[in-house]
Amino acid sequence: MIINVWKKQELGLVMELPTEVLSTIETTIEILDENYGTERTAEDLGGYVAVVDEGGIKELKQHQLKGIIPEYIDEIEGAEYISALFL
């Protein structure tokens, strides 16, 4: 599973996630909005949050993230999830 979240309005796509994870996603979206605008698309510079499960990670590693290492990986406190930044 891979769910891309570009805007705060799309948080409804991942409402089943723990509150701590939703908060982390919302904070990241706010930073992206502030720096790259609220109307960014896949073709624009900017970014989005990809929420993935183990199958999604395998798919990303075979395609979009092939040969790319994360800039950082951080545990989301209070949840068994991580946050990783790829540039």
PDB file of N, CA and C in Angstrom:
ATOM      1  N   MET A   1       0.840  -1.173   0.000  1.00  0.00           N
ATOM      2  CA  MET A   1       0.000   0.000   0.000  1.00  0.00           C
ATOM      3  C   MET A   1       0.891   1.243   0.000  1.00  0.00           C
ATOM      4  N   ILE A   2       0.547   2.178  -0.844  1.00  0.00           N
ATOM      5  CA  ILE A   2       1.196   3.481  -0.864  1.00  0.00           C
ATOM      6  C   ILE A   2       0.096   4.524  -0.955  1.00  0.00           C
ATOM      7  N   ILE A   3       0.036   5.435   0.012  1.00  0.00           N
ATOM      8  CA  ILE A   3      -0.926   6.537  -0.009  1.00  0.00           C
ATOM      9  C   ILE A   3      -0.128   7.834   0.009  1.00  0.00           C
ATOM     10  N   ASN A   4      -0.270   8.646  -1.033  1.00  0.00           N
ATOM     11  CA  ASN A   4       0.415   9.936  -1.108  1.00  0.00           C
ATOM     12  C   ASN A   4      -0.498  11.024  -0.567  1.00  0.00           C
ATOM     13  N   VAL A   5       0.028  11.821   0.353  1.00  0.00           N
ATOM     14  CA  VAL A   5      -0.720  12.920   0.961  1.00  0.00           C
ATOM     15  C   VAL A   5      -0.028  14.224   0.582  1.00  0.00           C
ATOM     16  N   TRP A   6      -0.707  15.027  -0.232  1.00  0.00           N
ATOM     17  CA  TRP A   6      -0.156  16.293  -0.706  1.00  0.00           C
ATOM     18  C   TRP A   6      -0.657  17.478   0.114  1.00  0.00           C
ATOM     19  N   LYS A   7      -1.912  17.387   0.585  1.00  0.00           N
ATOM     20  CA  LYS A   7      -2.556  18.515   1.262  1.00  0.00           C
ATOM     21  C   LYS A   7      -3.211  18.050   2.557  1.00  0.00           C
ATOM     22  N   LYS A   8      -3.438  19.007   3.464  1.00  0.00           N
ATOM     23  CA  LYS A   8      -4.071  18.674   4.741  1.00  0.00           C
ATOM     24  C   LYS A   8      -5.439  18.036   4.534  1.00  0.00           C
ATOM     25  N   GLN A   9      -6.159  18.452   3.508  1.00  0.00           N
ATOM     26  CA  GLN A   9      -7.493  17.917   3.247  1.00  0.00           C
ATOM     27  C   GLN A   9      -7.440  16.406   2.979  1.00  0.00           C
ATOM     28  N   GLU A  10      -6.299  15.904   2.565  1.00  0.00           N
ATOM     29  CA  GLU A  10      -6.150  14.484   2.246  1.00  0.00           C
ATOM     30  C   GLU A  10      -5.828  13.624   3.464  1.00  0.00           C
ATOM     31  N   LEU A  11      -5.713  14.233   4.638  1.00  0.00           N
ATOM     32  CA  LEU A  11      -5.433  13.458   5.851  1.00  0.00           C
ATOM     33  C   LEU A  11      -6.532  12.431   6.119  1.00  0.00           C
ATOM     34  N   GLY A  12      -7.717  12.658   5.589  1.00  0.00           N
ATOM     35  CA  GLY A  12      -8.806  11.699   5.739  1.00  0.00           C
ATOM     36  C   GLY A  12      -8.469  10.340   5.149  1.00  0.00           C
ATOM     37  N   LEU A  13      -7.514  10.306   4.218  1.00  0.00           N
ATOM     38  CA  LEU A  13      -7.101   9.047   3.599  1.00  0.00           C
ATOM     39  C   LEU A  13      -6.363   8.132   4.575  1.00  0.00           C
ATOM     40  N   VAL A  14      -5.844   8.723   5.657  1.00  0.00           N
ATOM     41  CA  VAL A  14      -5.023   7.954   6.601  1.00  0.00           C
ATOM     42  C   VAL A  14      -5.491   8.120   8.047  1.00  0.00           C
ATOM     43  N   MET A  15      -6.759   8.386   8.238  1.00  0.00           N
ATOM     44  CA  MET A  15      -7.289   8.653   9.584  1.00  0.00           C
ATOM     45  C   MET A  15      -7.154   7.468  10.533  1.00  0.00           C
ATOM     46  N   GLU A  16      -6.935   6.256  10.014  1.00  0.00           N
ATOM     47  CA  GLU A  16      -6.819   5.083  10.885  1.00  0.00           C
ATOM     48  C   GLU A  16      -5.451   5.010  11.574  1.00  0.00           C
ATOM     49  N   LEU A  17      -4.530   5.884  11.184  1.00  0.00           N
ATOM     50  CA  LEU A  17      -3.194   5.888  11.791  1.00  0.00           C
ATOM     51  C   LEU A  17      -3.245   6.494  13.191  1.00  0.00           C
ATOM     52  N   PRO A  18      -2.280   6.157  14.037  1.00  0.00           N
ATOM     53  CA  PRO A  18      -2.227   6.743  15.383  1.00  0.00           C
ATOM     54  C   PRO A  18      -2.115   8.268  15.331  1.00  0.00           C
ATOM     55  N   THR A  19      -2.625   8.910  16.370  1.00  0.00           N
ATOM     56  CA  THR A  19      -2.627  10.372  16.462  1.00  0.00           C
ATOM     57  C   THR A  19      -1.228  10.955  16.275  1.00  0.00           C
ATOM     58  N   GLU A  20      -0.222  10.299  16.842  1.00  0.00           N
ATOM     59  CA  GLU A  20       1.149  10.799  16.744  1.00  0.00           C
ATOM     60  C   GLU A  20       1.623  10.812  15.289  1.00  0.00           C
ATOM     61  N   VAL A  21       1.226   9.814  14.534  1.00  0.00           N
ATOM     62  CA  VAL A  21       1.619   9.740  13.124  1.00  0.00           C
ATOM     63  C   VAL A  21       0.889  10.809  12.326  1.00  0.00           C
ATOM     64  N   LEU A  22      -0.407  10.974  12.574  1.00  0.00           N
ATOM     65  CA  LEU A  22      -1.173  12.012  11.882  1.00  0.00           C
ATOM     66  C   LEU A  22      -0.601  13.396  12.166  1.00  0.00           C
ATOM     67  N   SER A  23      -0.199  13.630  13.395  1.00  0.00           N
ATOM     68  CA  SER A  23       0.393  14.917  13.769  1.00  0.00           C
ATOM     69  C   SER A  23       1.701  15.157  13.017  1.00  0.00           C
ATOM     70  N   THR A  24       2.524  14.125  12.905  1.00  0.00           N
ATOM     71  CA  THR A  24       3.786  14.233  12.170  1.00  0.00           C
ATOM     72  C   THR A  24       3.528  14.525  10.697  1.00  0.00           C
ATOM     73  N   ILE A  25       2.546  13.852  10.108  1.00  0.00           N
ATOM     74  CA  ILE A  25       2.207  14.087   8.702  1.00  0.00           C
ATOM     75  C   ILE A  25       1.714  15.521   8.520  1.00  0.00           C
ATOM     76  N   GLU A  26       0.830  15.971   9.409  1.00  0.00           N
ATOM     77  CA  GLU A  26       0.288  17.326   9.299  1.00  0.00           C
ATOM     78  C   GLU A  26       1.393  18.377   9.407  1.00  0.00           C
ATOM     79  N   THR A  27       2.319  18.195  10.331  1.00  0.00           N
ATOM     80  CA  THR A  27       3.439  19.131  10.481  1.00  0.00           C
ATOM     81  C   THR A  27       4.284  19.168   9.212  1.00  0.00           C
ATOM     82  N   THR A  28       4.552  18.010   8.641  1.00  0.00           N
ATOM     83  CA  THR A  28       5.344  17.947   7.407  1.00  0.00           C
ATOM     84  C   THR A  28       4.623  18.637   6.260  1.00  0.00           C
ATOM     85  N   ILE A  29       3.317  18.412   6.125  1.00  0.00           N
ATOM     86  CA  ILE A  29       2.532  19.058   5.073  1.00  0.00           C
ATOM     87  C   ILE A  29       2.562  20.579   5.251  1.00  0.00           C
ATOM     88  N   GLU A  30       2.466  21.063   6.482  1.00  0.00           N
ATOM     89  CA  GLU A  30       2.535  22.504   6.749  1.00  0.00           C
ATOM     90  C   GLU A  30       3.876  23.077   6.293  1.00  0.00           C
ATOM     91  N   ILE A  31       4.959  22.362   6.564  1.00  0.00           N
ATOM     92  CA  ILE A  31       6.288  22.816   6.138  1.00  0.00           C
ATOM     93  C   ILE A  31       6.374  22.855   4.615  1.00  0.00           C
ATOM     94  N   LEU A  32       5.864  21.820   3.957  1.00  0.00           N
ATOM     95  CA  LEU A  32       5.875  21.788   2.488  1.00  0.00           C
ATOM     96  C   LEU A  32       5.019  22.906   1.911  1.00  0.00           C
ATOM     97  N   ASP A  33       3.831  23.142   2.492  1.00  0.00           N
ATOM     98  CA  ASP A  33       2.954  24.222   2.033  1.00  0.00           C
ATOM     99  C   ASP A  33       3.653  25.568   2.143  1.00  0.00           C
ATOM    100  N   GLU A  34       4.298  25.785   3.266  1.00  0.00           N
ATOM    101  CA  GLU A  34       4.974  27.050   3.535  1.00  0.00           C
ATOM    102  C   GLU A  34       6.117  27.303   2.549  1.00  0.00           C
ATOM    103  N   ASN A  35       6.846  26.245   2.220  1.00  0.00           N
ATOM    104  CA  ASN A  35       8.025  26.399   1.388  1.00  0.00           C
ATOM    105  C   ASN A  35       7.783  26.242  -0.109  1.00  0.00           C
ATOM    106  N   TYR A  36       6.783  25.452  -0.479  1.00  0.00           N
ATOM    107  CA  TYR A  36       6.573  25.147  -1.895  1.00  0.00           C
ATOM    108  C   TYR A  36       5.177  25.490  -2.401  1.00  0.00           C
ATOM    109  N   GLY A  37       4.307  25.968  -1.521  1.00  0.00           N
ATOM    110  CA  GLY A  37       2.962  26.364  -1.926  1.00  0.00           C
ATOM    111  C   GLY A  37       1.955  25.235  -1.762  1.00  0.00           C
ATOM    112  N   THR A  38       0.704  25.621  -1.682  1.00  0.00           N
ATOM    113  CA  THR A  38      -0.365  24.655  -1.446  1.00  0.00           C
ATOM    114  C   THR A  38      -0.892  24.024  -2.727  1.00  0.00           C
ATOM    115  N   GLU A  39      -0.469  24.520  -3.869  1.00  0.00           N
ATOM    116  CA  GLU A  39      -0.976  24.005  -5.140  1.00  0.00           C
ATOM    117  C   GLU A  39       0.045  23.154  -5.886  1.00  0.00           C
ATOM    118  N   ARG A  40       1.032  22.631  -5.184  1.00  0.00           N
ATOM    119  CA  ARG A  40       2.061  21.831  -5.843  1.00  0.00           C
ATOM    120  C   ARG A  40       1.484  20.514  -6.359  1.00  0.00           C
ATOM    121  N   THR A  41       2.111  19.992  -7.393  1.00  0.00           N
ATOM    122  CA  THR A  41       1.682  18.719  -7.988  1.00  0.00           C
ATOM    123  C   THR A  41       2.889  17.792  -8.076  1.00  0.00           C
ATOM    124  N   ALA A  42       2.680  16.598  -8.588  1.00  0.00           N
ATOM    125  CA  ALA A  42       3.764  15.625  -8.725  1.00  0.00           C
ATOM    126  C   ALA A  42       4.861  16.137  -9.646  1.00  0.00           C
ATOM    127  N   GLU A  43       4.525  16.996 -10.576  1.00  0.00           N
ATOM    128  CA  GLU A  43       5.510  17.514 -11.521  1.00  0.00           C
ATOM    129  C   GLU A  43       6.304  18.694 -10.956  1.00  0.00           C
ATOM    130  N   ASP A  44       5.807  19.300  -9.880  1.00  0.00           N
ATOM    131  CA  ASP A  44       6.463  20.463  -9.282  1.00  0.00           C
ATOM    132  C   ASP A  44       7.588  20.043  -8.349  1.00  0.00           C
ATOM    133  N   LEU A  45       8.464  20.990  -8.076  1.00  0.00           N
ATOM    134  CA  LEU A  45       9.370  20.804  -6.957  1.00  0.00           C
ATOM    135  C   LEU A  45       8.537  20.948  -5.704  1.00  0.00           C
ATOM    136  N   GLY A  46       8.935  20.384  -4.650  1.00  0.00           N
ATOM    137  CA  GLY A  46       8.140  20.434  -3.429  1.00  0.00           C
ATOM    138  C   GLY A  46       8.124  19.070  -2.819  1.00  0.00           C
ATOM    139  N   GLY A  47       6.957  18.564  -2.554  1.00  0.00           N
ATOM    140  CA  GLY A  47       6.933  17.233  -2.010  1.00  0.00           C
ATOM    141  C   GLY A  47       5.597  16.820  -1.474  1.00  0.00           C
ATOM    142  N   TYR A  48       5.593  15.646  -0.894  1.00  0.00           N
ATOM    143  CA  TYR A  48       4.395  15.052  -0.324  1.00  0.00           C
ATOM    144  C   TYR A  48       4.829  14.016   0.695  1.00  0.00           C
ATOM    145  N   VAL A  49       3.874  13.506   1.437  1.00  0.00           N
ATOM    146  CA  VAL A  49       4.127  12.446   2.397  1.00  0.00           C
ATOM    147  C   VAL A  49       3.594  11.152   1.799  1.00  0.00           C
ATOM    148  N   ALA A  50       4.432  10.135   1.754  1.00  0.00           N
ATOM    149  CA  ALA A  50       4.001   8.815   1.304  1.00  0.00           C
ATOM    150  C   ALA A  50       3.859   7.928   2.530  1.00  0.00           C
ATOM    151  N   VAL A  51       2.652   7.442   2.750  1.00  0.00           N
ATOM    152  CA  VAL A  51       2.386   6.511   3.844  1.00  0.00           C
ATOM    153  C   VAL A  51       2.425   5.121   3.225  1.00  0.00           C
ATOM    154  N   VAL A  52       3.351   4.288   3.701  1.00  0.00           N
ATOM    155  CA  VAL A  52       3.539   2.973   3.076  1.00  0.00           C
ATOM    156  C   VAL A  52       3.599   1.869   4.126  1.00  0.00           C
ATOM    157  N   ASP A  53       3.180   0.689   3.695  1.00  0.00           N
ATOM    158  CA  ASP A  53       3.349  -0.499   4.516  1.00  0.00           C
ATOM    159  C   ASP A  53       4.554  -1.262   3.972  1.00  0.00           C
ATOM    160  N   GLU A  54       4.800  -2.462   4.468  1.00  0.00           N
ATOM    161  CA  GLU A  54       5.981  -3.223   4.029  1.00  0.00           C
ATOM    162  C   GLU A  54       5.974  -3.489   2.529  1.00  0.00           C
ATOM    163  N   GLY A  55       4.812  -3.838   1.967  1.00  0.00           N
ATOM    164  CA  GLY A  55       4.716  -4.058   0.521  1.00  0.00           C
ATOM    165  C   GLY A  55       5.018  -2.788  -0.260  1.00  0.00           C
ATOM    166  N   GLY A  56       4.552  -1.654   0.259  1.00  0.00           N
ATOM    167  CA  GLY A  56       4.816  -0.369  -0.382  1.00  0.00           C
ATOM    168  C   GLY A  56       6.287  -0.006  -0.359  1.00  0.00           C
ATOM    169  N   ILE A  57       6.956  -0.332   0.738  1.00  0.00           N
ATOM    170  CA  ILE A  57       8.393  -0.063   0.844  1.00  0.00           C
ATOM    171  C   ILE A  57       9.145  -0.849  -0.229  1.00  0.00           C
ATOM    172  N   LYS A  58       8.789  -2.123  -0.401  1.00  0.00           N
ATOM    173  CA  LYS A  58       9.441  -2.947  -1.421  1.00  0.00           C
ATOM    174  C   LYS A  58       9.236  -2.358  -2.809  1.00  0.00           C
ATOM    175  N   GLU A  59       8.006  -1.911  -3.092  1.00  0.00           N
ATOM    176  CA  GLU A  59       7.706  -1.311  -4.396  1.00  0.00           C
ATOM    177  C   GLU A  59       8.506  -0.029  -4.620  1.00  0.00           C
ATOM    178  N   LEU A  60       8.546   0.835  -3.601  1.00  0.00           N
ATOM    179  CA  LEU A  60       9.298   2.091  -3.728  1.00  0.00           C
ATOM    180  C   LEU A  60      10.784   1.826  -3.954  1.00  0.00           C
ATOM    181  N   LYS A  61      11.340   0.845  -3.245  1.00  0.00           N
ATOM    182  CA  LYS A  61      12.762   0.529  -3.399  1.00  0.00           C
ATOM    183  C   LYS A  61      13.083   0.017  -4.802  1.00  0.00           C
ATOM    184  N   GLN A  62      12.111  -0.618  -5.451  1.00  0.00           N
ATOM    185  CA  GLN A  62      12.330  -1.136  -6.799  1.00  0.00           C
ATOM    186  C   GLN A  62      12.191  -0.045  -7.867  1.00  0.00           C
ATOM    187  N   HIS A  63      11.517   1.050  -7.532  1.00  0.00           N
ATOM    188  CA  HIS A  63      11.239   2.085  -8.535  1.00  0.00           C
ATOM    189  C   HIS A  63      11.756   3.456  -8.097  1.00  0.00           C
ATOM    190  N   GLN A  64      10.923   4.259  -7.461  1.00  0.00           N
ATOM    191  CA  GLN A  64      11.261   5.646  -7.131  1.00  0.00           C
ATOM    192  C   GLN A  64      12.502   5.793  -6.257  1.00  0.00           C
ATOM    193  N   LEU A  65      12.713   4.877  -5.338  1.00  0.00           N
ATOM    194  CA  LEU A  65      13.825   5.010  -4.391  1.00  0.00           C
ATOM    195  C   LEU A  65      15.000   4.088  -4.701  1.00  0.00           C
ATOM    196  N   LYS A  66      15.008   3.518  -5.889  1.00  0.00           N
ATOM    197  CA  LYS A  66      16.072   2.583  -6.259  1.00  0.00           C
ATOM    198  C   LYS A  66      17.436   3.285  -6.178  1.00  0.00           C
ATOM    199  N   GLY A  67      18.290   2.775  -5.318  1.00  0.00           N
ATOM    200  CA  GLY A  67      19.635   3.316  -5.180  1.00  0.00           C
ATOM    201  C   GLY A  67      19.727   4.594  -4.367  1.00  0.00           C
ATOM    202  N   ILE A  68      18.623   5.057  -3.795  1.00  0.00           N
ATOM    203  CA  ILE A  68      18.622   6.299  -3.017  1.00  0.00           C
ATOM    204  C   ILE A  68      18.577   5.942  -1.535  1.00  0.00           C
ATOM    205  N   ILE A  69      19.397   6.642  -0.764  1.00  0.00           N
ATOM    206  CA  ILE A  69      19.361   6.426   0.679  1.00  0.00           C
ATOM    207  C   ILE A  69      18.682   7.639   1.329  1.00  0.00           C
ATOM    208  N   PRO A  70      18.001   7.430   2.453  1.00  0.00           N
ATOM    209  CA  PRO A  70      17.313   8.548   3.104  1.00  0.00           C
ATOM    210  C   PRO A  70      18.299   9.541   3.699  1.00  0.00           C
ATOM    211  N   GLU A  71      17.888  10.810   3.705  1.00  0.00           N
ATOM    212  CA  GLU A  71      18.676  11.854   4.363  1.00  0.00           C
ATOM    213  C   GLU A  71      18.655  11.630   5.874  1.00  0.00           C
ATOM    214  N   TYR A  72      17.501  11.241   6.367  1.00  0.00           N
ATOM    215  CA  TYR A  72      17.405  10.867   7.776  1.00  0.00           C
ATOM    216  C   TYR A  72      16.223   9.940   7.986  1.00  0.00           C
ATOM    217  N   ILE A  73      16.272   9.191   9.077  1.00  0.00           N
ATOM    218  CA  ILE A  73      15.168   8.346   9.526  1.00  0.00           C
ATOM    219  C   ILE A  73      14.962   8.660  10.994  1.00  0.00           C
ATOM    220  N   ASP A  74      13.706   8.895  11.361  1.00  0.00           N
ATOM    221  CA  ASP A  74      13.387   9.262  12.728  1.00  0.00           C
ATOM    222  C   ASP A  74      12.210   8.420  13.212  1.00  0.00           C
ATOM    223  N   GLU A  75      12.273   7.932  14.442  1.00  0.00           N
ATOM    224  CA  GLU A  75      11.144   7.221  15.026  1.00  0.00           C
ATOM    225  C   GLU A  75      10.088   8.239  15.434  1.00  0.00           C
ATOM    226  N   ILE A  76       8.831   7.904  15.221  1.00  0.00           N
ATOM    227  CA  ILE A  76       7.736   8.770  15.661  1.00  0.00           C
ATOM    228  C   ILE A  76       7.401   8.353  17.086  1.00  0.00           C
ATOM    229  N   GLU A  77       7.656   9.270  18.012  1.00  0.00           N
ATOM    230  CA  GLU A  77       7.488   8.970  19.425  1.00  0.00           C
ATOM    231  C   GLU A  77       6.036   8.633  19.742  1.00  0.00           C
ATOM    232  N   GLY A  78       5.823   7.561  20.483  1.00  0.00           N
ATOM    233  CA  GLY A  78       4.495   7.158  20.891  1.00  0.00           C
ATOM    234  C   GLY A  78       3.803   6.243  19.896  1.00  0.00           C
ATOM    235  N   ALA A  79       4.491   5.881  18.815  1.00  0.00           N
ATOM    236  CA  ALA A  79       3.901   5.003  17.804  1.00  0.00           C
ATOM    237  C   ALA A  79       4.999   4.114  17.233  1.00  0.00           C
ATOM    238  N   GLU A  80       4.620   2.994  16.708  1.00  0.00           N
ATOM    239  CA  GLU A  80       5.605   2.086  16.110  1.00  0.00           C
ATOM    240  C   GLU A  80       5.737   2.377  14.617  1.00  0.00           C
ATOM    241  N   TYR A  81       6.081   3.628  14.311  1.00  0.00           N
ATOM    242  CA  TYR A  81       6.242   4.107  12.944  1.00  0.00           C
ATOM    243  C   TYR A  81       7.522   4.906  12.854  1.00  0.00           C
ATOM    244  N   ILE A  82       8.004   5.074  11.635  1.00  0.00           N
ATOM    245  CA  ILE A  82       9.168   5.933  11.411  1.00  0.00           C
ATOM    246  C   ILE A  82       8.807   7.013  10.404  1.00  0.00           C
ATOM    247  N   SER A  83       9.629   8.036  10.366  1.00  0.00           N
ATOM    248  CA  SER A  83       9.554   9.084   9.367  1.00  0.00           C
ATOM    249  C   SER A  83      10.900   9.110   8.667  1.00  0.00           C
ATOM    250  N   ALA A  84      10.898   9.097   7.338  1.00  0.00           N
ATOM    251  CA  ALA A  84      12.158   9.129   6.586  1.00  0.00           C
ATOM    252  C   ALA A  84      12.076  10.215   5.522  1.00  0.00           C
ATOM    253  N   LEU A  85      13.176  10.929   5.328  1.00  0.00           N
ATOM    254  CA  LEU A  85      13.245  11.994   4.324  1.00  0.00           C
ATOM    255  C   LEU A  85      14.105  11.531   3.162  1.00  0.00           C
ATOM    256  N   PHE A  86      13.535  11.576   1.962  1.00  0.00           N
ATOM    257  CA  PHE A  86      14.273  11.291   0.732  1.00  0.00           C
ATOM    258  C   PHE A  86      14.270  12.527  -0.137  1.00  0.00           C
ATOM    259  N   LEU A  87      15.426  12.870  -0.687  1.00  0.00           N
ATOM    260  CA  LEU A  87      15.525  14.028  -1.582  1.00  0.00           C
ATOM    261  C   LEU A  87      15.814  13.577  -2.993  1.00  0.00           C
TER     262      LEU A  87
END
